[in-house]
Amino acid sequence: MDNNPIRALEDLLDLERAALIQGDLTDLSRLTPEKETLIGVINQLHVLESDDLIRVQKKVARNQALLNNAAEGIRAVADRMSELRRVKQEFSTYDAAGQRNGFVLRSQAKLEKRA
């Protein structure tokens, strides 16, 4: 770890950004404990303002936006997969009045092999 915790956090935030951009969730989870430790060390320094802290704050905000976007993407995929599962299990039509009629589909028919 760098002797300067602010600089070390800044470097770690750059690594976190790269992991977010690459979608590397394993790397993200590996970086979290070190990030929390560095933030704790910086909080104990009682440094309220410095150019380094301002830079770190901007990187934290940037990474948080990336994290939020990644979470939205994951939710969208989960919703889409749920919808596809529902479509595979149900057939829907609409009547002349615009009312939806759903029909549950049988599970896949099994072929029976006879001699």
C-alpha atoms as a PDB file:
ATOM      1  CA  MET A   1       0.000   0.000   0.000  1.00  0.00           C
ATOM      2  CA  ASP A   2       1.173   3.534  -0.807  1.00  0.00           C
ATOM      3  CA  ASN A   3       2.341   5.582   2.219  1.00  0.00           C
ATOM      4  CA  ASN A   4      -0.124   8.295   1.216  1.00  0.00           C
ATOM      5  CA  PRO A   5      -3.625   6.859   1.854  1.00  0.00           C
ATOM      6  CA  ILE A   6      -5.304   9.490  -0.324  1.00  0.00           C
ATOM      7  CA  ARG A   7      -3.051   8.611  -3.254  1.00  0.00           C
ATOM      8  CA  ALA A   8      -3.560   4.883  -2.581  1.00  0.00           C
ATOM      9  CA  LEU A   9      -7.351   5.367  -2.592  1.00  0.00           C
ATOM     10  CA  GLU A  10      -7.112   7.329  -5.807  1.00  0.00           C
ATOM     11  CA  ASP A  11      -5.171   4.483  -7.448  1.00  0.00           C
ATOM     12  CA  LEU A  12      -7.660   1.949  -6.106  1.00  0.00           C
ATOM     13  CA  LEU A  13     -10.573   3.982  -7.487  1.00  0.00           C
ATOM     14  CA  ASP A  14      -8.896   3.871 -10.907  1.00  0.00           C
ATOM     15  CA  LEU A  15      -8.699   0.074 -10.613  1.00  0.00           C
ATOM     16  CA  GLU A  16     -12.345  -0.022  -9.540  1.00  0.00           C
ATOM     17  CA  ARG A  17     -13.330   2.062 -12.582  1.00  0.00           C
ATOM     18  CA  ALA A  18     -11.469  -0.306 -14.895  1.00  0.00           C
ATOM     19  CA  ALA A  19     -13.225  -3.295 -13.291  1.00  0.00           C
ATOM     20  CA  LEU A  20     -16.609  -1.584 -13.687  1.00  0.00           C
ATOM     21  CA  ILE A  21     -15.981  -0.795 -17.332  1.00  0.00           C
ATOM     22  CA  GLN A  22     -14.879  -4.389 -17.983  1.00  0.00           C
ATOM     23  CA  GLY A  23     -17.783  -5.811 -15.964  1.00  0.00           C
ATOM     24  CA  ASP A  24     -15.381  -7.706 -13.706  1.00  0.00           C
ATOM     25  CA  LEU A  25     -17.522  -8.281 -10.601  1.00  0.00           C
ATOM     26  CA  THR A  26     -14.903 -10.544  -9.028  1.00  0.00           C
ATOM     27  CA  ASP A  27     -12.305  -7.786  -9.143  1.00  0.00           C
ATOM     28  CA  LEU A  28     -14.837  -5.311  -7.732  1.00  0.00           C
ATOM     29  CA  SER A  29     -15.539  -7.485  -4.722  1.00  0.00           C
ATOM     30  CA  ARG A  30     -11.798  -7.998  -4.185  1.00  0.00           C
ATOM     31  CA  LEU A  31     -11.191  -4.229  -4.112  1.00  0.00           C
ATOM     32  CA  THR A  32     -13.995  -3.366  -1.677  1.00  0.00           C
ATOM     33  CA  PRO A  33     -12.292  -4.305   1.634  1.00  0.00           C
ATOM     34  CA  GLU A  34      -9.146  -2.326   0.772  1.00  0.00           C
ATOM     35  CA  LYS A  35     -11.261   0.641  -0.306  1.00  0.00           C
ATOM     36  CA  GLU A  36     -13.157   0.582   2.996  1.00  0.00           C
ATOM     37  CA  THR A  37      -9.873   0.405   4.940  1.00  0.00           C
ATOM     38  CA  LEU A  38      -8.391   3.353   3.057  1.00  0.00           C
ATOM     39  CA  ILE A  39     -11.520   5.441   3.573  1.00  0.00           C
ATOM     40  CA  GLY A  40     -11.317   4.683   7.306  1.00  0.00           C
ATOM     41  CA  VAL A  41      -7.666   5.755   7.422  1.00  0.00           C
ATOM     42  CA  ILE A  42      -8.449   8.984   5.552  1.00  0.00           C
ATOM     43  CA  ASN A  43     -11.381   9.741   7.876  1.00  0.00           C
ATOM     44  CA  GLN A  44      -8.996   9.487  10.844  1.00  0.00           C
ATOM     45  CA  LEU A  45      -6.689  12.074   9.278  1.00  0.00           C
ATOM     46  CA  HIS A  46      -9.347  14.776   9.718  1.00  0.00           C
ATOM     47  CA  VAL A  47      -8.304  16.454   6.482  1.00  0.00           C
ATOM     48  CA  LEU A  48     -11.293  18.470   5.339  1.00  0.00           C
ATOM     49  CA  GLU A  49     -10.079  19.989   2.092  1.00  0.00           C
ATOM     50  CA  SER A  50      -7.209  19.435  -0.247  1.00  0.00           C
ATOM     51  CA  ASP A  51      -6.739  19.121  -3.967  1.00  0.00           C
ATOM     52  CA  ASP A  52      -6.101  15.394  -3.497  1.00  0.00           C
ATOM     53  CA  LEU A  53      -9.392  14.905  -1.633  1.00  0.00           C
ATOM     54  CA  ILE A  54     -11.303  16.860  -4.256  1.00  0.00           C
ATOM     55  CA  ARG A  55      -9.842  14.602  -6.962  1.00  0.00           C
ATOM     56  CA  VAL A  56     -10.748  11.504  -4.935  1.00  0.00           C
ATOM     57  CA  GLN A  57     -14.274  12.803  -4.366  1.00  0.00           C
ATOM     58  CA  LYS A  58     -14.731  13.272  -8.129  1.00  0.00           C
ATOM     59  CA  LYS A  59     -13.486   9.723  -8.754  1.00  0.00           C
ATOM     60  CA  VAL A  60     -15.831   8.337  -6.097  1.00  0.00           C
ATOM     61  CA  ALA A  61     -18.767  10.156  -7.715  1.00  0.00           C
ATOM     62  CA  ARG A  62     -17.726   8.892 -11.168  1.00  0.00           C
ATOM     63  CA  ASN A  63     -17.462   5.296  -9.932  1.00  0.00           C
ATOM     64  CA  GLN A  64     -20.779   5.556  -8.086  1.00  0.00           C
ATOM     65  CA  ALA A  65     -22.465   6.601 -11.327  1.00  0.00           C
ATOM     66  CA  LEU A  66     -20.879   3.599 -13.070  1.00  0.00           C
ATOM     67  CA  LEU A  67     -22.023   1.305 -10.237  1.00  0.00           C
ATOM     68  CA  ASN A  68     -25.562   2.671 -10.480  1.00  0.00           C
ATOM     69  CA  ASN A  69     -25.604   2.122 -14.244  1.00  0.00           C
ATOM     70  CA  ALA A  70     -24.275  -1.415 -13.826  1.00  0.00           C
ATOM     71  CA  ALA A  71     -26.976  -2.172 -11.256  1.00  0.00           C
ATOM     72  CA  GLU A  72     -29.658  -0.797 -13.594  1.00  0.00           C
ATOM     73  CA  GLY A  73     -28.301  -2.975 -16.398  1.00  0.00           C
ATOM     74  CA  ILE A  74     -28.359  -6.067 -14.207  1.00  0.00           C
ATOM     75  CA  ARG A  75     -31.951  -5.303 -13.149  1.00  0.00           C
ATOM     76  CA  ALA A  76     -32.955  -4.816 -16.793  1.00  0.00           C
ATOM     77  CA  VAL A  77     -31.459  -8.183 -17.734  1.00  0.00           C
ATOM     78  CA  ALA A  78     -33.183  -9.886 -14.803  1.00  0.00           C
ATOM     79  CA  ASP A  79     -36.521  -8.310 -15.776  1.00  0.00           C
ATOM     80  CA  ARG A  80     -36.058  -9.372 -19.390  1.00  0.00           C
ATOM     81  CA  MET A  81     -35.170 -12.940 -18.409  1.00  0.00           C
ATOM     82  CA  SER A  82     -38.242 -13.066 -16.161  1.00  0.00           C
ATOM     83  CA  GLU A  83     -40.413 -11.845 -19.023  1.00  0.00           C
ATOM     84  CA  LEU A  84     -38.929 -14.459 -21.383  1.00  0.00           C
ATOM     85  CA  ARG A  85     -39.653 -17.219 -18.845  1.00  0.00           C
ATOM     86  CA  ARG A  86     -43.231 -15.972 -18.527  1.00  0.00           C
ATOM     87  CA  VAL A  87     -43.637 -15.896 -22.311  1.00  0.00           C
ATOM     88  CA  LYS A  88     -42.400 -19.495 -22.560  1.00  0.00           C
ATOM     89  CA  GLN A  89     -45.020 -20.598 -20.011  1.00  0.00           C
ATOM     90  CA  GLU A  90     -48.007 -18.570 -21.193  1.00  0.00           C
ATOM     91  CA  PHE A  91     -49.649 -17.695 -24.487  1.00  0.00           C
ATOM     92  CA  SER A  92     -51.613 -14.428 -24.490  1.00  0.00           C
ATOM     93  CA  THR A  93     -54.180 -13.080 -26.909  1.00  0.00           C
ATOM     94  CA  TYR A  94     -56.486 -10.079 -26.866  1.00  0.00           C
ATOM     95  CA  ASP A  95     -60.201 -10.178 -27.638  1.00  0.00           C
ATOM     96  CA  ALA A  96     -62.185  -7.602 -29.662  1.00  0.00           C
ATOM     97  CA  ALA A  97     -62.685  -5.506 -26.510  1.00  0.00           C
ATOM     98  CA  GLY A  98     -58.934  -5.392 -25.892  1.00  0.00           C
ATOM     99  CA  GLN A  99     -59.069  -7.724 -22.903  1.00  0.00           C
ATOM    100  CA  ARG A 100     -56.077  -9.957 -22.430  1.00  0.00           C
ATOM    101  CA  ASN A 101     -56.612 -13.719 -22.349  1.00  0.00           C
ATOM    102  CA  GLY A 102     -53.744 -15.819 -21.085  1.00  0.00           C
ATOM    103  CA  PHE A 103     -53.373 -19.542 -21.639  1.00  0.00           C
ATOM    104  CA  VAL A 104     -50.898 -21.580 -19.660  1.00  0.00           C
ATOM    105  CA  LEU A 105     -48.827 -23.804 -21.900  1.00  0.00           C
ATOM    106  CA  ARG A 106     -48.138 -27.394 -21.025  1.00  0.00           C
ATOM    107  CA  SER A 107     -44.633 -28.204 -20.025  1.00  0.00           C
ATOM    108  CA  GLN A 108     -42.675 -29.694 -22.871  1.00  0.00           C
ATOM    109  CA  ALA A 109     -44.180 -32.883 -24.140  1.00  0.00           C
ATOM    110  CA  LYS A 110     -42.077 -35.935 -23.470  1.00  0.00           C
ATOM    111  CA  LEU A 111     -41.633 -38.570 -26.102  1.00  0.00           C
ATOM    112  CA  GLU A 112     -42.099 -42.101 -24.975  1.00  0.00           C
ATOM    113  CA  LYS A 113     -39.958 -44.664 -26.706  1.00  0.00           C
ATOM    114  CA  ARG A 114     -41.672 -48.014 -27.225  1.00  0.00           C
ATOM    115  CA  ALA A 115     -40.130 -51.120 -28.525  1.00  0.00           C
END
